[in-house]
Amino acid sequence: MIISKVDSLLKPGTTVDVILTGLDRPSKNAKTGPMAQLKFAPQDINPVMAAETGEDLAVCVKNCIHRPLNKVEKEDGSTEGGTCYVDLKRGILSSWKAHQGKAVEILTTLKSRAVRFGEWGDPSTVRRALLDHVISIARREHRHPRPWTGYTHDYDKRPDLKDVCMASTDTIADRERAKANGWRTFRPRPVGAPLLDGEIDCPYVTRGVQCADCLLCNGGAHGKDISIEIH
């Protein structure tokens, strides 16, 4: 269902559909488990083409190294960046197509599911008030006091998201900057690299706990930072 059509805060002048899935058909994502999935998609261009042409800037933070167009070829022939884990050609594209031309529906229930902010797209695409509306419903129905997960690469510009999202950091320097500004962080690290002070391994990796049950990645001021080895 489309729960809102908004002007993108990341690229003003571009209309974005805010799409919620996973209520009637639970997500098949093995890591997240059966969470409601909120995604942000440019209205008038399919997600694959958006990523290939740079129109994804309506929903993705420009300096995110994982954006496909931020892939860099190094002198030794290796590449860096462009490593977004989102499979746009499958679930995201089909979801976008299924919602083309659909009207906005009023969200009244999450059917007691926790919600994941940003299956595709950064939560900084929208105003905090929209996220708060979804959170209010999640809290009303769910046993957990903070039943959501969220990550943002826009932590330098959106301090208002600090209580909702983890700062999505890619280097030790990124993490240090985010920590200095009061964020909890999520950091991928090379295989074999040690955890930093205050970090724990993602519980899905260490114990097989799905995000729907873990719910540690919900921002806020309290709790460990999360890190995961890059495979």
Protein backbone atom coordinates (compact mmCIF):
# COMPACT_ATOMS: atom_id res chain seq x y z
CA MET A 1 0.00 0.00 0.00
CA ILE A 2 1.05 3.60 -0.63
CA ILE A 3 0.75 5.46 2.64
CA SER A 4 1.94 8.84 1.35
CA LYS A 5 3.07 10.71 -1.75
CA VAL A 6 5.55 13.39 -0.74
CA ASP A 7 8.03 15.84 -2.17
CA SER A 8 11.49 14.38 -1.58
CA LEU A 9 13.59 16.23 0.99
CA LEU A 10 16.71 14.85 -0.71
CA LYS A 11 15.71 16.09 -4.17
CA PRO A 12 12.98 18.71 -3.91
CA GLY A 13 10.65 18.72 -6.89
CA THR A 14 10.58 14.93 -7.14
CA THR A 15 7.50 13.10 -5.92
CA VAL A 16 8.19 9.98 -3.92
CA ASP A 17 5.80 7.15 -3.16
CA VAL A 18 6.10 5.87 0.40
CA ILE A 19 5.22 2.19 0.06
CA LEU A 20 4.50 -0.22 2.89
CA THR A 21 4.59 -3.97 2.27
CA GLY A 22 4.81 -7.12 4.35
CA LEU A 23 1.46 -6.96 6.11
CA ASP A 24 -0.54 -9.53 4.16
CA ARG A 25 2.46 -11.29 2.64
CA PRO A 26 5.25 -11.47 5.22
CA SER A 27 8.71 -10.59 3.97
CA LYS A 28 10.80 -13.55 2.83
CA ASN A 29 13.99 -11.78 3.85
CA ALA A 30 15.81 -14.35 6.01
CA LYS A 31 17.66 -11.71 8.02
CA THR A 32 14.83 -9.31 8.79
CA GLY A 33 12.07 -11.87 9.21
CA PRO A 34 8.38 -10.92 9.02
CA MET A 35 8.63 -7.17 9.43
CA ALA A 36 6.54 -4.53 7.71
CA GLN A 37 8.81 -2.96 5.11
CA LEU A 38 8.72 0.76 4.33
CA LYS A 39 10.39 1.85 1.11
CA PHE A 40 10.75 5.18 -0.65
CA ALA A 41 10.59 5.19 -4.45
CA PRO A 42 10.61 7.98 -7.06
CA GLN A 43 7.10 7.98 -8.49
CA ASP A 44 7.78 8.34 -12.20
CA ILE A 45 10.86 6.19 -12.84
CA ASN A 46 11.41 2.55 -12.04
CA PRO A 47 13.99 1.82 -9.33
CA VAL A 48 16.48 0.08 -11.63
CA MET A 49 16.56 2.97 -14.08
CA ALA A 50 16.67 5.45 -11.20
CA ALA A 51 19.82 3.83 -9.84
CA GLU A 52 21.41 3.72 -13.30
CA THR A 53 20.72 7.36 -14.15
CA GLY A 54 21.19 9.08 -10.80
CA GLU A 55 17.50 9.68 -10.23
CA ASP A 56 17.89 7.59 -7.09
CA LEU A 57 19.12 10.81 -5.47
CA ALA A 58 15.47 11.45 -4.67
CA VAL A 59 15.64 8.64 -2.10
CA CYS A 60 19.35 7.91 -1.58
CA VAL A 61 21.94 10.13 0.06
CA LYS A 62 24.37 11.43 -2.56
CA ASN A 63 27.57 10.50 -0.74
CA CYS A 64 26.49 6.97 0.16
CA ILE A 65 29.34 4.86 -1.19
CA HIS A 66 26.97 1.98 -1.85
CA ARG A 67 25.00 3.79 -4.58
CA PRO A 68 25.65 2.07 -7.94
CA LEU A 69 26.87 5.32 -9.54
CA ASN A 70 29.39 5.81 -6.73
CA LYS A 71 31.33 2.73 -7.81
CA VAL A 72 34.98 3.61 -8.48
CA GLU A 73 37.55 1.61 -10.42
CA LYS A 74 40.97 1.70 -8.75
CA GLU A 75 44.37 1.64 -10.44
CA ASP A 76 44.95 -1.99 -9.49
CA GLY A 77 41.79 -3.03 -11.34
CA SER A 78 39.70 -3.54 -8.23
CA THR A 79 36.56 -1.57 -7.51
CA GLU A 80 35.31 0.35 -4.51
CA GLY A 81 31.77 1.34 -3.65
CA GLY A 82 28.60 0.61 -5.57
CA THR A 83 27.90 -2.29 -3.23
CA CYS A 84 24.25 -1.63 -2.32
CA TYR A 85 22.75 -4.83 -0.93
CA VAL A 86 19.25 -3.99 -2.20
CA ASP A 87 18.22 -6.19 -5.14
CA LEU A 88 16.35 -3.60 -7.18
CA LYS A 89 15.65 -5.98 -10.08
CA ARG A 90 13.54 -8.31 -8.02
CA GLY A 91 11.45 -7.34 -5.02
CA ILE A 92 11.79 -3.56 -5.23
CA LEU A 93 11.00 -3.32 -8.94
CA SER A 94 8.00 -5.65 -8.73
CA SER A 95 6.68 -3.76 -5.72
CA TRP A 96 7.08 -0.43 -7.54
CA LYS A 97 5.22 -1.78 -10.58
CA ALA A 98 2.42 -3.18 -8.41
CA HIS A 99 1.83 0.24 -6.87
CA GLN A 100 1.97 2.33 -10.03
CA GLY A 101 -1.10 4.55 -10.28
CA LYS A 102 -2.45 3.48 -6.90
CA ALA A 103 -3.99 6.02 -4.58
CA VAL A 104 -2.81 6.78 -1.06
CA GLU A 105 -4.39 4.58 1.62
CA ILE A 106 -4.77 5.58 5.23
CA LEU A 107 -2.53 3.45 7.42
CA THR A 108 -4.44 2.26 10.48
CA THR A 109 -2.69 -0.98 11.45
CA LEU A 110 0.62 -2.80 11.09
CA LYS A 111 -1.00 -6.05 12.19
CA SER A 112 1.31 -6.15 15.22
CA ARG A 113 4.43 -6.25 13.05
CA ALA A 114 7.61 -4.36 13.73
CA VAL A 115 8.56 -2.05 10.86
CA ARG A 116 11.77 -1.59 8.92
CA PHE A 117 12.38 1.94 7.69
CA GLY A 118 14.13 1.88 4.34
CA GLU A 119 13.90 -1.45 2.58
CA TRP A 120 15.00 0.82 -0.24
CA GLY A 121 15.68 4.52 0.17
CA ASP A 122 16.93 6.51 3.12
CA PRO A 123 14.48 7.58 5.85
CA SER A 124 15.86 11.12 5.41
CA THR A 125 13.77 11.23 2.23
CA VAL A 126 10.77 12.23 4.33
CA ARG A 127 9.88 14.40 7.29
CA ARG A 128 10.15 12.95 10.77
CA ALA A 129 6.39 13.37 11.25
CA LEU A 130 5.65 10.64 8.72
CA LEU A 131 7.92 8.19 10.52
CA ASP A 132 6.39 9.18 13.84
CA HIS A 133 2.92 8.32 12.52
CA VAL A 134 4.06 4.82 11.58
CA ILE A 135 5.86 4.46 14.91
CA SER A 136 2.74 5.44 16.84
CA ILE A 137 0.82 2.60 15.22
CA ALA A 138 3.66 0.12 15.77
CA ARG A 139 3.91 1.03 19.44
CA ARG A 140 0.17 0.71 19.95
CA GLU A 141 0.11 -2.84 18.63
CA HIS A 142 3.51 -4.39 19.36
CA ARG A 143 4.81 -5.86 22.62
CA HIS A 144 8.22 -4.20 22.18
CA PRO A 145 8.49 -0.53 23.26
CA ARG A 146 10.58 0.38 20.19
CA PRO A 147 9.34 -1.94 17.41
CA TRP A 148 11.28 -0.72 14.39
CA THR A 149 14.69 -0.61 12.71
CA GLY A 150 16.15 2.20 10.65
CA TYR A 151 19.44 3.38 9.18
CA THR A 152 20.48 6.68 7.62
CA HIS A 153 23.53 7.86 5.71
CA ASP A 154 22.30 11.42 6.23
CA TYR A 155 23.37 11.61 9.87
CA ASP A 156 25.38 14.81 9.31
CA LYS A 157 22.26 16.70 8.19
CA ARG A 158 19.33 15.01 9.94
CA PRO A 159 19.90 15.06 13.71
CA ASP A 160 16.12 14.83 14.12
CA LEU A 161 16.37 11.18 13.06
CA LYS A 162 18.80 10.31 15.85
CA ASP A 163 16.09 8.78 18.04
CA VAL A 164 14.73 6.63 15.19
CA CYS A 165 17.71 5.54 13.09
CA MET A 166 21.21 4.22 13.41
CA ALA A 167 23.91 6.27 11.70
CA SER A 168 24.95 4.07 8.80
CA THR A 169 28.73 4.46 8.80
CA ASP A 170 31.26 2.93 6.41
CA THR A 171 34.62 3.76 7.97
CA ILE A 172 36.07 4.18 11.43
CA ALA A 173 36.28 7.93 10.79
CA ASP A 174 32.60 8.00 9.84
CA ARG A 175 31.71 6.25 13.06
CA GLU A 176 33.82 8.58 15.18
CA ARG A 177 32.11 11.60 13.62
CA ALA A 178 28.64 10.15 14.19
CA LYS A 179 29.47 9.19 17.78
CA ALA A 180 30.74 12.70 18.48
CA ASN A 181 27.31 13.95 17.48
CA GLY A 182 25.44 11.53 19.72
CA TRP A 183 24.39 8.79 17.29
CA ARG A 184 24.31 5.06 17.77
CA THR A 185 25.97 3.49 14.77
CA PHE A 186 25.82 0.56 12.38
CA ARG A 187 29.12 -0.29 10.68
CA PRO A 188 30.09 -2.97 8.17
CA ARG A 189 33.72 -4.03 8.59
CA PRO A 190 36.16 -6.23 6.65
CA VAL A 191 36.20 -9.91 7.49
CA GLY A 192 38.48 -10.50 10.45
CA ALA A 193 38.60 -6.84 11.49
CA PRO A 194 38.02 -6.32 15.21
CA LEU A 195 35.02 -4.70 16.79
CA LEU A 196 35.51 -1.18 18.08
CA ASP A 197 34.80 -0.08 21.63
CA GLY A 198 31.07 -0.03 22.21
CA GLU A 199 30.22 -2.32 19.27
CA ILE A 200 28.76 -5.80 19.20
CA ASP A 201 28.32 -8.18 16.29
CA CYS A 202 24.94 -8.27 14.62
CA PRO A 203 22.94 -10.93 16.55
CA TYR A 204 21.72 -12.44 13.28
CA VAL A 205 25.30 -13.38 12.44
CA THR A 206 26.25 -14.63 15.90
CA ARG A 207 23.01 -16.30 16.99
CA GLY A 208 20.64 -16.31 14.02
CA VAL A 209 18.28 -13.80 15.67
CA GLN A 210 16.15 -12.11 13.02
CA CYS A 211 15.70 -8.33 13.03
CA ALA A 212 11.99 -8.78 13.77
CA ASP A 213 12.94 -10.28 17.14
CA CYS A 214 16.17 -8.40 17.81
CA LEU A 215 15.14 -4.76 17.19
CA LEU A 216 18.44 -3.35 18.46
CA CYS A 217 18.86 -1.09 15.41
CA ASN A 218 16.24 1.47 16.44
CA GLY A 219 18.42 4.49 17.14
CA GLY A 220 18.10 6.30 20.43
CA ALA A 221 20.74 7.18 22.98
CA HIS A 222 21.04 3.85 24.77
CA GLY A 223 22.37 0.50 23.64
CA LYS A 224 25.41 -0.93 21.91
CA ASP A 225 26.44 -0.02 18.40
CA ILE A 226 26.10 -2.79 15.82
CA SER A 227 28.71 -4.03 13.37
CA ILE A 228 28.70 -6.77 10.76
CA GLU A 229 31.48 -8.38 8.78
CA ILE A 230 31.31 -7.77 5.03
CA HIS A 231 31.13 -11.02 3.09
